[in-house]
Amino acid sequence: MTAKDNSGLKLIALDSEDLAVVSAHLQDAVINVSEMAYLKTERRFAAIANRFDWSEALGGTRSRRKPFMRRRSGLRFERVLGAQLANIDITDRKQMLNVLAIHFEPSTAPEGFVTISCAGGAAIRLHVEYLEAELKDLGAAWATKSKPEHPDDEPDA
């Protein structure tokens, strides 16, 4: 596989609009359960994801012969007061999560809940003191053969 060396992405999310941008970049990312952790004493949730590079794939400069790209990225949330998992077996270190979207639901301002929704009904719900997240690429991109497909998003013919 060929690696592409670029500076990569670094995003900070402090509100719902920022988080929507992070979510778009993480759509179809794959997270191994063994590469995520809730660090209770540090009040932090962190995960390493292999994200599909949607900006490269949809950027209009990609030729048909050019491969699609994936990037290893770090995702972290600060000021996490609690974490809950749904349909995730934390002891299954080989379980892979396919990220669908990330949303913030405010409760008592500035507190709220961040939900990382994954395929198969899996989800991570974080109770946060306030929204503070970062998505950062950790290295060069590498080629992947296919682009994730979303049949529900395709227009009817």
C-alpha atoms as a PDB file:
ATOM      1  CA  MET A   1       0.000   0.000   0.000  1.00  0.00           C
ATOM      2  CA  THR A   2       1.115   3.475  -0.757  1.00  0.00           C
ATOM      3  CA  ALA A   3       1.140   6.067   1.984  1.00  0.00           C
ATOM      4  CA  LYS A   4       0.312   9.677   1.212  1.00  0.00           C
ATOM      5  CA  ASP A   5       2.120  12.211   3.353  1.00  0.00           C
ATOM      6  CA  ASN A   6      -0.003  15.253   4.172  1.00  0.00           C
ATOM      7  CA  SER A   7      -0.236  17.386   7.267  1.00  0.00           C
ATOM      8  CA  GLY A   8      -3.637  15.889   8.034  1.00  0.00           C
ATOM      9  CA  LEU A   9      -6.712  17.072   9.816  1.00  0.00           C
ATOM     10  CA  LYS A  10      -6.936  18.757  13.224  1.00  0.00           C
ATOM     11  CA  LEU A  11     -10.381  19.828  14.384  1.00  0.00           C
ATOM     12  CA  ILE A  12     -11.661  21.148  17.705  1.00  0.00           C
ATOM     13  CA  ALA A  13     -15.362  20.925  18.597  1.00  0.00           C
ATOM     14  CA  LEU A  14     -16.813  23.259  21.226  1.00  0.00           C
ATOM     15  CA  ASP A  15     -20.460  23.270  20.090  1.00  0.00           C
ATOM     16  CA  SER A  16     -22.964  21.183  18.123  1.00  0.00           C
ATOM     17  CA  GLU A  17     -22.036  22.778  14.798  1.00  0.00           C
ATOM     18  CA  ASP A  18     -18.340  21.988  15.328  1.00  0.00           C
ATOM     19  CA  LEU A  19     -19.226  18.432  16.335  1.00  0.00           C
ATOM     20  CA  ALA A  20     -21.253  17.995  13.130  1.00  0.00           C
ATOM     21  CA  VAL A  21     -18.056  18.674  11.147  1.00  0.00           C
ATOM     22  CA  VAL A  22     -16.127  16.132  13.240  1.00  0.00           C
ATOM     23  CA  SER A  23     -18.962  13.650  12.735  1.00  0.00           C
ATOM     24  CA  ALA A  24     -18.858  14.096   8.951  1.00  0.00           C
ATOM     25  CA  HIS A  25     -15.126  13.352   8.908  1.00  0.00           C
ATOM     26  CA  LEU A  26     -15.629  10.257  11.079  1.00  0.00           C
ATOM     27  CA  GLN A  27     -18.526   8.766   9.106  1.00  0.00           C
ATOM     28  CA  ASP A  28     -17.504   5.191   8.184  1.00  0.00           C
ATOM     29  CA  ALA A  29     -14.483   5.265  10.494  1.00  0.00           C
ATOM     30  CA  VAL A  30     -13.587   1.937  12.077  1.00  0.00           C
ATOM     31  CA  ILE A  31     -12.658   1.733  15.776  1.00  0.00           C
ATOM     32  CA  ASN A  32     -11.301  -1.401  17.424  1.00  0.00           C
ATOM     33  CA  VAL A  33     -12.758  -1.736  20.936  1.00  0.00           C
ATOM     34  CA  SER A  34      -9.209  -2.328  22.210  1.00  0.00           C
ATOM     35  CA  GLU A  35      -8.268   1.180  20.995  1.00  0.00           C
ATOM     36  CA  MET A  36     -10.791   3.171  22.994  1.00  0.00           C
ATOM     37  CA  ALA A  37     -10.846   4.072  26.673  1.00  0.00           C
ATOM     38  CA  TYR A  38     -12.770   6.061  29.243  1.00  0.00           C
ATOM     39  CA  LEU A  39     -10.186   7.505  31.629  1.00  0.00           C
ATOM     40  CA  LYS A  40     -12.374   8.281  34.623  1.00  0.00           C
ATOM     41  CA  THR A  41      -9.771  10.045  36.779  1.00  0.00           C
ATOM     42  CA  GLU A  42      -8.732  12.249  33.833  1.00  0.00           C
ATOM     43  CA  ARG A  43     -12.382  12.761  32.805  1.00  0.00           C
ATOM     44  CA  ARG A  44     -11.481  11.887  29.219  1.00  0.00           C
ATOM     45  CA  PHE A  45     -12.685   9.488  26.540  1.00  0.00           C
ATOM     46  CA  ALA A  46     -10.226   8.678  23.768  1.00  0.00           C
ATOM     47  CA  ALA A  47     -10.249   6.428  20.730  1.00  0.00           C
ATOM     48  CA  ILE A  48      -8.086   5.680  17.719  1.00  0.00           C
ATOM     49  CA  ALA A  49     -10.026   5.397  14.463  1.00  0.00           C
ATOM     50  CA  ASN A  50      -9.196   4.439  10.908  1.00  0.00           C
ATOM     51  CA  ARG A  51     -11.250   7.055   9.097  1.00  0.00           C
ATOM     52  CA  PHE A  52     -12.198   7.155   5.432  1.00  0.00           C
ATOM     53  CA  ASP A  53     -10.928  10.422   3.911  1.00  0.00           C
ATOM     54  CA  TRP A  54     -14.211  11.829   2.615  1.00  0.00           C
ATOM     55  CA  SER A  55     -12.722  15.248   1.807  1.00  0.00           C
ATOM     56  CA  GLU A  56     -10.235  13.585  -0.552  1.00  0.00           C
ATOM     57  CA  ALA A  57     -12.851  11.254  -2.069  1.00  0.00           C
ATOM     58  CA  LEU A  58     -15.394  14.014  -2.716  1.00  0.00           C
ATOM     59  CA  GLY A  59     -12.951  16.842  -3.382  1.00  0.00           C
ATOM     60  CA  GLY A  60     -13.313  16.784  -7.157  1.00  0.00           C
ATOM     61  CA  THR A  61      -9.566  16.490  -7.806  1.00  0.00           C
ATOM     62  CA  ARG A  62      -9.459  12.705  -7.504  1.00  0.00           C
ATOM     63  CA  SER A  63      -8.913  10.848 -10.792  1.00  0.00           C
ATOM     64  CA  ARG A  64     -10.604   7.498 -11.435  1.00  0.00           C
ATOM     65  CA  ARG A  65      -7.260   5.697 -11.178  1.00  0.00           C
ATOM     66  CA  LYS A  66      -6.316   7.329  -7.890  1.00  0.00           C
ATOM     67  CA  PRO A  67      -7.066   5.114  -4.858  1.00  0.00           C
ATOM     68  CA  PHE A  68      -9.351   6.119  -2.024  1.00  0.00           C
ATOM     69  CA  MET A  69      -7.575   6.917   1.238  1.00  0.00           C
ATOM     70  CA  ARG A  70      -7.898   6.115   4.946  1.00  0.00           C
ATOM     71  CA  ARG A  71      -6.166   7.858   7.836  1.00  0.00           C
ATOM     72  CA  ARG A  72      -5.400   6.884  11.415  1.00  0.00           C
ATOM     73  CA  SER A  73      -6.924   9.533  13.658  1.00  0.00           C
ATOM     74  CA  GLY A  74      -7.195  10.257  17.345  1.00  0.00           C
ATOM     75  CA  LEU A  75     -10.540  11.293  18.831  1.00  0.00           C
ATOM     76  CA  ARG A  76     -10.821  12.652  22.355  1.00  0.00           C
ATOM     77  CA  PHE A  77     -13.503  14.177  24.526  1.00  0.00           C
ATOM     78  CA  GLU A  78     -12.584  16.150  27.658  1.00  0.00           C
ATOM     79  CA  ARG A  79     -14.651  16.856  30.808  1.00  0.00           C
ATOM     80  CA  VAL A  80     -16.381  13.469  30.600  1.00  0.00           C
ATOM     81  CA  LEU A  81     -18.445  12.767  33.720  1.00  0.00           C
ATOM     82  CA  GLY A  82     -19.549   9.269  32.705  1.00  0.00           C
ATOM     83  CA  ALA A  83     -19.648   6.782  29.852  1.00  0.00           C
ATOM     84  CA  GLN A  84     -22.205   4.157  28.846  1.00  0.00           C
ATOM     85  CA  LEU A  85     -21.984   1.488  26.147  1.00  0.00           C
ATOM     86  CA  ALA A  86     -24.817  -0.136  24.202  1.00  0.00           C
ATOM     87  CA  ASN A  87     -24.292  -3.370  22.251  1.00  0.00           C
ATOM     88  CA  ILE A  88     -20.527  -3.202  22.786  1.00  0.00           C
ATOM     89  CA  ASP A  89     -18.611  -5.967  24.564  1.00  0.00           C
ATOM     90  CA  ILE A  90     -15.603  -4.190  26.065  1.00  0.00           C
ATOM     91  CA  THR A  91     -13.996  -7.582  26.802  1.00  0.00           C
ATOM     92  CA  ASP A  92     -14.075  -8.539  23.091  1.00  0.00           C
ATOM     93  CA  ARG A  93     -10.813  -6.867  22.105  1.00  0.00           C
ATOM     94  CA  LYS A  94     -11.385  -7.797  18.441  1.00  0.00           C
ATOM     95  CA  GLN A  95     -14.805  -6.142  18.134  1.00  0.00           C
ATOM     96  CA  MET A  96     -14.830  -3.439  15.464  1.00  0.00           C
ATOM     97  CA  LEU A  97     -17.180  -0.462  15.528  1.00  0.00           C
ATOM     98  CA  ASN A  98     -18.227   1.297  12.325  1.00  0.00           C
ATOM     99  CA  VAL A  99     -19.049   4.925  13.138  1.00  0.00           C
ATOM    100  CA  LEU A 100     -22.252   6.301  11.635  1.00  0.00           C
ATOM    101  CA  ALA A 101     -22.537   9.704  13.341  1.00  0.00           C
ATOM    102  CA  ILE A 102     -21.768  11.721  16.474  1.00  0.00           C
ATOM    103  CA  HIS A 103     -24.384  13.965  18.113  1.00  0.00           C
ATOM    104  CA  PHE A 104     -24.569  16.298  21.124  1.00  0.00           C
ATOM    105  CA  GLU A 105     -27.759  16.573  23.189  1.00  0.00           C
ATOM    106  CA  PRO A 106     -27.698  19.459  25.676  1.00  0.00           C
ATOM    107  CA  SER A 107     -29.173  18.930  29.135  1.00  0.00           C
ATOM    108  CA  THR A 108     -28.577  21.482  31.904  1.00  0.00           C
ATOM    109  CA  ALA A 109     -26.327  24.054  30.191  1.00  0.00           C
ATOM    110  CA  PRO A 110     -23.491  23.627  29.543  1.00  0.00           C
ATOM    111  CA  GLU A 111     -23.755  19.881  30.328  1.00  0.00           C
ATOM    112  CA  GLY A 112     -24.999  17.364  27.839  1.00  0.00           C
ATOM    113  CA  PHE A 113     -24.610  13.975  26.243  1.00  0.00           C
ATOM    114  CA  VAL A 114     -22.449  12.999  23.282  1.00  0.00           C
ATOM    115  CA  THR A 115     -23.607   9.890  21.433  1.00  0.00           C
ATOM    116  CA  ILE A 116     -21.300   8.062  19.044  1.00  0.00           C
ATOM    117  CA  SER A 117     -23.685   5.924  16.990  1.00  0.00           C
ATOM    118  CA  CYS A 118     -22.255   2.855  15.269  1.00  0.00           C
ATOM    119  CA  ALA A 119     -23.552   0.194  12.896  1.00  0.00           C
ATOM    120  CA  GLY A 120     -25.470  -2.746  14.354  1.00  0.00           C
ATOM    121  CA  GLY A 121     -27.076  -0.646  17.089  1.00  0.00           C
ATOM    122  CA  ALA A 122     -23.800  -0.121  18.965  1.00  0.00           C
ATOM    123  CA  ALA A 123     -23.371   3.237  20.690  1.00  0.00           C
ATOM    124  CA  ILE A 124     -21.152   5.107  23.127  1.00  0.00           C
ATOM    125  CA  ARG A 125     -22.875   7.737  25.279  1.00  0.00           C
ATOM    126  CA  LEU A 126     -20.736  10.264  27.125  1.00  0.00           C
ATOM    127  CA  HIS A 127     -22.075  12.590  29.822  1.00  0.00           C
ATOM    128  CA  VAL A 128     -19.967  15.740  29.455  1.00  0.00           C
ATOM    129  CA  GLU A 129     -19.587  18.779  31.696  1.00  0.00           C
ATOM    130  CA  TYR A 130     -19.429  20.769  28.449  1.00  0.00           C
ATOM    131  CA  LEU A 131     -18.539  19.920  24.868  1.00  0.00           C
ATOM    132  CA  GLU A 132     -14.803  19.824  24.180  1.00  0.00           C
ATOM    133  CA  ALA A 133     -13.557  17.389  21.550  1.00  0.00           C
ATOM    134  CA  GLU A 134     -10.611  17.012  19.198  1.00  0.00           C
ATOM    135  CA  LEU A 135     -10.097  14.955  16.045  1.00  0.00           C
ATOM    136  CA  LYS A 136      -6.510  14.779  14.850  1.00  0.00           C
ATOM    137  CA  ASP A 137      -4.862  12.746  12.107  1.00  0.00           C
ATOM    138  CA  LEU A 138      -1.899  10.823  13.465  1.00  0.00           C
ATOM    139  CA  GLY A 139       0.104  10.055  10.350  1.00  0.00           C
ATOM    140  CA  ALA A 140       0.170   9.558   6.633  1.00  0.00           C
ATOM    141  CA  ALA A 141      -2.841   8.316   4.693  1.00  0.00           C
ATOM    142  CA  TRP A 142      -2.880   4.904   3.031  1.00  0.00           C
ATOM    143  CA  ALA A 143      -4.711   3.578   0.000  1.00  0.00           C
ATOM    144  CA  THR A 144      -7.911   1.582   0.265  1.00  0.00           C
ATOM    145  CA  LYS A 145      -9.668  -0.161  -2.597  1.00  0.00           C
ATOM    146  CA  SER A 146     -13.235   0.890  -1.989  1.00  0.00           C
ATOM    147  CA  LYS A 147     -15.405   3.795  -0.931  1.00  0.00           C
ATOM    148  CA  PRO A 148     -18.097   3.130   1.689  1.00  0.00           C
ATOM    149  CA  GLU A 149     -21.543   3.005   0.114  1.00  0.00           C
ATOM    150  CA  HIS A 150     -24.766   4.389   1.568  1.00  0.00           C
ATOM    151  CA  PRO A 151     -27.675   2.953  -0.441  1.00  0.00           C
ATOM    152  CA  ASP A 152     -30.229   4.949   1.568  1.00  0.00           C
ATOM    153  CA  ASP A 153     -28.525   8.185   0.463  1.00  0.00           C
ATOM    154  CA  GLU A 154     -28.717   7.394  -3.265  1.00  0.00           C
ATOM    155  CA  PRO A 155     -31.447   9.217  -5.208  1.00  0.00           C
ATOM    156  CA  ASP A 156     -34.189   7.040  -6.659  1.00  0.00           C
ATOM    157  CA  ALA A 157     -33.876   6.495 -10.408  1.00  0.00           C
END
